[in-house]
Amino acid sequence: MALLVTVGLINLVPLVGVLSAGRIAAGYGIELPGPDLEILLRHRALLFGVLGGFIVYAAFQPALQWPAMVLAALSMAGFLLLAWTVGGYNAALAKVALVDVIGLVLLAVAVLLKLQAGTQAFA
């Protein structure tokens, strides 16, 4: 399922932040004031790698597609909800939000196609 692979790849992009604080700072348009926030954000990058890897893997494992789509939707919608409720974010985070909106649209299409194919939810 190409759409699910694409959503997985979207979630894999932040994984590069594991490599250095500089990559995180550049990706999110922020400065890291100290090692505490660096550790947290690099761990966040690692978790996105785990999630993205699972989503890509699930694209080829029909039994895992529903759980992967639910997790992807929760992650992307969760970020959008936080961005909307907190507000005041920078241009780099606005791009992240836009990518998450695109990811949710792709995910919605994937869900519709899966339902159209007659697959029962969580079967």
C-alpha atoms as a PDB file:
ATOM      1  CA  MET A   1       0.000   0.000   0.000  1.00  0.00           C
ATOM      2  CA  ALA A   2       1.926   2.989  -1.373  1.00  0.00           C
ATOM      3  CA  LEU A   3      -0.028   5.522   0.678  1.00  0.00           C
ATOM      4  CA  LEU A   4       0.914   3.810   3.913  1.00  0.00           C
ATOM      5  CA  VAL A   5       4.574   3.690   2.867  1.00  0.00           C
ATOM      6  CA  THR A   6       4.421   7.430   2.164  1.00  0.00           C
ATOM      7  CA  VAL A   7       2.914   8.118   5.599  1.00  0.00           C
ATOM      8  CA  GLY A   8       5.632   5.954   7.126  1.00  0.00           C
ATOM      9  CA  LEU A   9       8.335   7.886   5.300  1.00  0.00           C
ATOM     10  CA  ILE A  10       6.858  11.163   6.555  1.00  0.00           C
ATOM     11  CA  ASN A  11       7.251   9.814  10.075  1.00  0.00           C
ATOM     12  CA  LEU A  12      10.801   8.607   9.367  1.00  0.00           C
ATOM     13  CA  VAL A  13      12.097  12.040   8.318  1.00  0.00           C
ATOM     14  CA  PRO A  14      12.611  13.318  11.899  1.00  0.00           C
ATOM     15  CA  LEU A  15      14.858  10.312  12.590  1.00  0.00           C
ATOM     16  CA  VAL A  16      17.818  12.347  11.299  1.00  0.00           C
ATOM     17  CA  GLY A  17      17.508  14.373  14.510  1.00  0.00           C
ATOM     18  CA  VAL A  18      19.003  11.452  16.427  1.00  0.00           C
ATOM     19  CA  LEU A  19      22.347  12.258  14.815  1.00  0.00           C
ATOM     20  CA  SER A  20      22.854  15.720  16.293  1.00  0.00           C
ATOM     21  CA  ALA A  21      21.361  18.676  18.088  1.00  0.00           C
ATOM     22  CA  GLY A  22      22.145  20.783  15.015  1.00  0.00           C
ATOM     23  CA  ARG A  23      19.840  18.719  12.838  1.00  0.00           C
ATOM     24  CA  ILE A  24      17.019  19.097  15.355  1.00  0.00           C
ATOM     25  CA  ALA A  25      17.580  22.839  15.660  1.00  0.00           C
ATOM     26  CA  ALA A  26      17.554  23.236  11.878  1.00  0.00           C
ATOM     27  CA  GLY A  27      14.521  21.005  11.369  1.00  0.00           C
ATOM     28  CA  TYR A  28      12.367  22.756  13.936  1.00  0.00           C
ATOM     29  CA  GLY A  29      13.799  26.253  13.608  1.00  0.00           C
ATOM     30  CA  ILE A  30      14.739  26.417  17.272  1.00  0.00           C
ATOM     31  CA  GLU A  31      17.789  26.759  19.471  1.00  0.00           C
ATOM     32  CA  LEU A  32      18.420  24.079  22.043  1.00  0.00           C
ATOM     33  CA  PRO A  33      19.242  25.813  25.323  1.00  0.00           C
ATOM     34  CA  GLY A  34      20.879  22.821  26.941  1.00  0.00           C
ATOM     35  CA  PRO A  35      21.446  19.089  27.059  1.00  0.00           C
ATOM     36  CA  ASP A  36      18.101  18.323  28.736  1.00  0.00           C
ATOM     37  CA  LEU A  37      16.028  19.520  25.789  1.00  0.00           C
ATOM     38  CA  GLU A  38      18.526  17.989  23.355  1.00  0.00           C
ATOM     39  CA  ILE A  39      18.089  14.573  24.959  1.00  0.00           C
ATOM     40  CA  LEU A  40      14.302  14.858  24.905  1.00  0.00           C
ATOM     41  CA  LEU A  41      14.137  15.967  21.267  1.00  0.00           C
ATOM     42  CA  ARG A  42      16.671  13.398  20.088  1.00  0.00           C
ATOM     43  CA  HIS A  43      14.644  10.714  21.857  1.00  0.00           C
ATOM     44  CA  ARG A  44      11.532  12.105  20.139  1.00  0.00           C
ATOM     45  CA  ALA A  45      13.358  11.677  16.831  1.00  0.00           C
ATOM     46  CA  LEU A  46      14.134   8.080  17.742  1.00  0.00           C
ATOM     47  CA  LEU A  47      10.484   7.397  18.577  1.00  0.00           C
ATOM     48  CA  PHE A  48       9.447   8.827  15.213  1.00  0.00           C
ATOM     49  CA  GLY A  49      11.891   6.417  13.615  1.00  0.00           C
ATOM     50  CA  VAL A  50      10.282   3.521  15.445  1.00  0.00           C
ATOM     51  CA  LEU A  51       6.793   4.675  14.462  1.00  0.00           C
ATOM     52  CA  GLY A  52       7.747   5.360  10.838  1.00  0.00           C
ATOM     53  CA  GLY A  53       9.507   2.008  10.546  1.00  0.00           C
ATOM     54  CA  PHE A  54       6.467   0.223  11.919  1.00  0.00           C
ATOM     55  CA  ILE A  55       4.151   2.020   9.493  1.00  0.00           C
ATOM     56  CA  VAL A  56       6.347   1.116   6.498  1.00  0.00           C
ATOM     57  CA  TYR A  57       6.591  -2.497   7.687  1.00  0.00           C
ATOM     58  CA  ALA A  58       2.813  -2.640   8.209  1.00  0.00           C
ATOM     59  CA  ALA A  59       2.254  -1.526   4.616  1.00  0.00           C
ATOM     60  CA  PHE A  60       3.400  -5.027   3.640  1.00  0.00           C
ATOM     61  CA  GLN A  61       1.667  -6.847   6.518  1.00  0.00           C
ATOM     62  CA  PRO A  62      -2.115  -6.553   6.110  1.00  0.00           C
ATOM     63  CA  ALA A  63      -2.812  -7.670   9.685  1.00  0.00           C
ATOM     64  CA  LEU A  64      -0.818  -4.682  10.997  1.00  0.00           C
ATOM     65  CA  GLN A  65      -2.230  -2.011   8.696  1.00  0.00           C
ATOM     66  CA  TRP A  66      -5.120  -0.922  10.898  1.00  0.00           C
ATOM     67  CA  PRO A  67      -2.983  -0.518  14.035  1.00  0.00           C
ATOM     68  CA  ALA A  68      -0.367   1.368  12.003  1.00  0.00           C
ATOM     69  CA  MET A  69      -2.976   3.704  10.541  1.00  0.00           C
ATOM     70  CA  VAL A  70      -4.455   4.385  13.987  1.00  0.00           C
ATOM     71  CA  LEU A  71      -1.027   5.158  15.466  1.00  0.00           C
ATOM     72  CA  ALA A  72      -0.112   7.407  12.541  1.00  0.00           C
ATOM     73  CA  ALA A  73      -3.402   9.279  12.818  1.00  0.00           C
ATOM     74  CA  LEU A  74      -3.026   9.732  16.574  1.00  0.00           C
ATOM     75  CA  SER A  75       0.502  11.047  16.190  1.00  0.00           C
ATOM     76  CA  MET A  76      -0.248  13.477  13.376  1.00  0.00           C
ATOM     77  CA  ALA A  77      -3.570  14.676  14.749  1.00  0.00           C
ATOM     78  CA  GLY A  78      -2.012  14.992  18.197  1.00  0.00           C
ATOM     79  CA  PHE A  79       0.703  17.303  16.890  1.00  0.00           C
ATOM     80  CA  LEU A  80      -1.856  19.400  15.043  1.00  0.00           C
ATOM     81  CA  LEU A  81      -4.031  19.672  18.147  1.00  0.00           C
ATOM     82  CA  LEU A  82      -1.065  20.746  20.270  1.00  0.00           C
ATOM     83  CA  ALA A  83       0.064  23.286  17.670  1.00  0.00           C
ATOM     84  CA  TRP A  84      -3.459  24.701  17.410  1.00  0.00           C
ATOM     85  CA  THR A  85      -4.060  24.922  21.171  1.00  0.00           C
ATOM     86  CA  VAL A  86      -0.639  26.358  22.040  1.00  0.00           C
ATOM     87  CA  GLY A  87      -0.215  28.599  18.986  1.00  0.00           C
ATOM     88  CA  GLY A  88       2.609  31.066  18.398  1.00  0.00           C
ATOM     89  CA  TYR A  89       4.854  28.539  16.667  1.00  0.00           C
ATOM     90  CA  ASN A  90       7.526  29.394  14.116  1.00  0.00           C
ATOM     91  CA  ALA A  91       7.598  28.882  10.337  1.00  0.00           C
ATOM     92  CA  ALA A  92       9.496  25.585  10.601  1.00  0.00           C
ATOM     93  CA  LEU A  93       6.837  24.121  12.877  1.00  0.00           C
ATOM     94  CA  ALA A  94       4.147  25.455  10.548  1.00  0.00           C
ATOM     95  CA  LYS A  95       5.775  23.322   7.811  1.00  0.00           C
ATOM     96  CA  VAL A  96       5.685  20.310  10.130  1.00  0.00           C
ATOM     97  CA  ALA A  97       1.984  20.972  10.705  1.00  0.00           C
ATOM     98  CA  LEU A  98       1.364  21.223   6.959  1.00  0.00           C
ATOM     99  CA  VAL A  99       3.155  17.928   6.351  1.00  0.00           C
ATOM    100  CA  ASP A 100       1.026  16.335   9.068  1.00  0.00           C
ATOM    101  CA  VAL A 101      -2.136  17.622   7.390  1.00  0.00           C
ATOM    102  CA  ILE A 102      -0.940  16.101   4.107  1.00  0.00           C
ATOM    103  CA  GLY A 103      -0.119  12.872   5.929  1.00  0.00           C
ATOM    104  CA  LEU A 104      -3.597  12.737   7.443  1.00  0.00           C
ATOM    105  CA  VAL A 105      -5.186  13.255   4.025  1.00  0.00           C
ATOM    106  CA  LEU A 106      -3.073  10.408   2.591  1.00  0.00           C
ATOM    107  CA  LEU A 107      -3.992   8.284   5.573  1.00  0.00           C
ATOM    108  CA  ALA A 108      -7.696   9.009   5.088  1.00  0.00           C
ATOM    109  CA  VAL A 109      -7.440   7.899   1.466  1.00  0.00           C
ATOM    110  CA  ALA A 110      -5.619   4.733   2.565  1.00  0.00           C
ATOM    111  CA  VAL A 111      -8.382   3.998   5.086  1.00  0.00           C
ATOM    112  CA  LEU A 112     -11.087   4.510   2.459  1.00  0.00           C
ATOM    113  CA  LEU A 113      -9.292   2.240  -0.008  1.00  0.00           C
ATOM    114  CA  LYS A 114      -8.840  -0.426   2.640  1.00  0.00           C
ATOM    115  CA  LEU A 115     -12.511  -0.228   3.593  1.00  0.00           C
ATOM    116  CA  GLN A 116     -13.502  -0.331  -0.073  1.00  0.00           C
ATOM    117  CA  ALA A 117     -11.441  -3.485  -0.478  1.00  0.00           C
ATOM    118  CA  GLY A 118     -13.714  -5.078   2.101  1.00  0.00           C
ATOM    119  CA  THR A 119     -11.217  -5.457   4.890  1.00  0.00           C
ATOM    120  CA  GLN A 120     -12.831  -5.431   8.306  1.00  0.00           C
ATOM    121  CA  ALA A 121     -11.386  -3.053  10.877  1.00  0.00           C
ATOM    122  CA  PHE A 122      -8.926  -4.683  13.269  1.00  0.00           C
ATOM    123  CA  ALA A 123      -9.434  -8.103  11.711  1.00  0.00           C
END
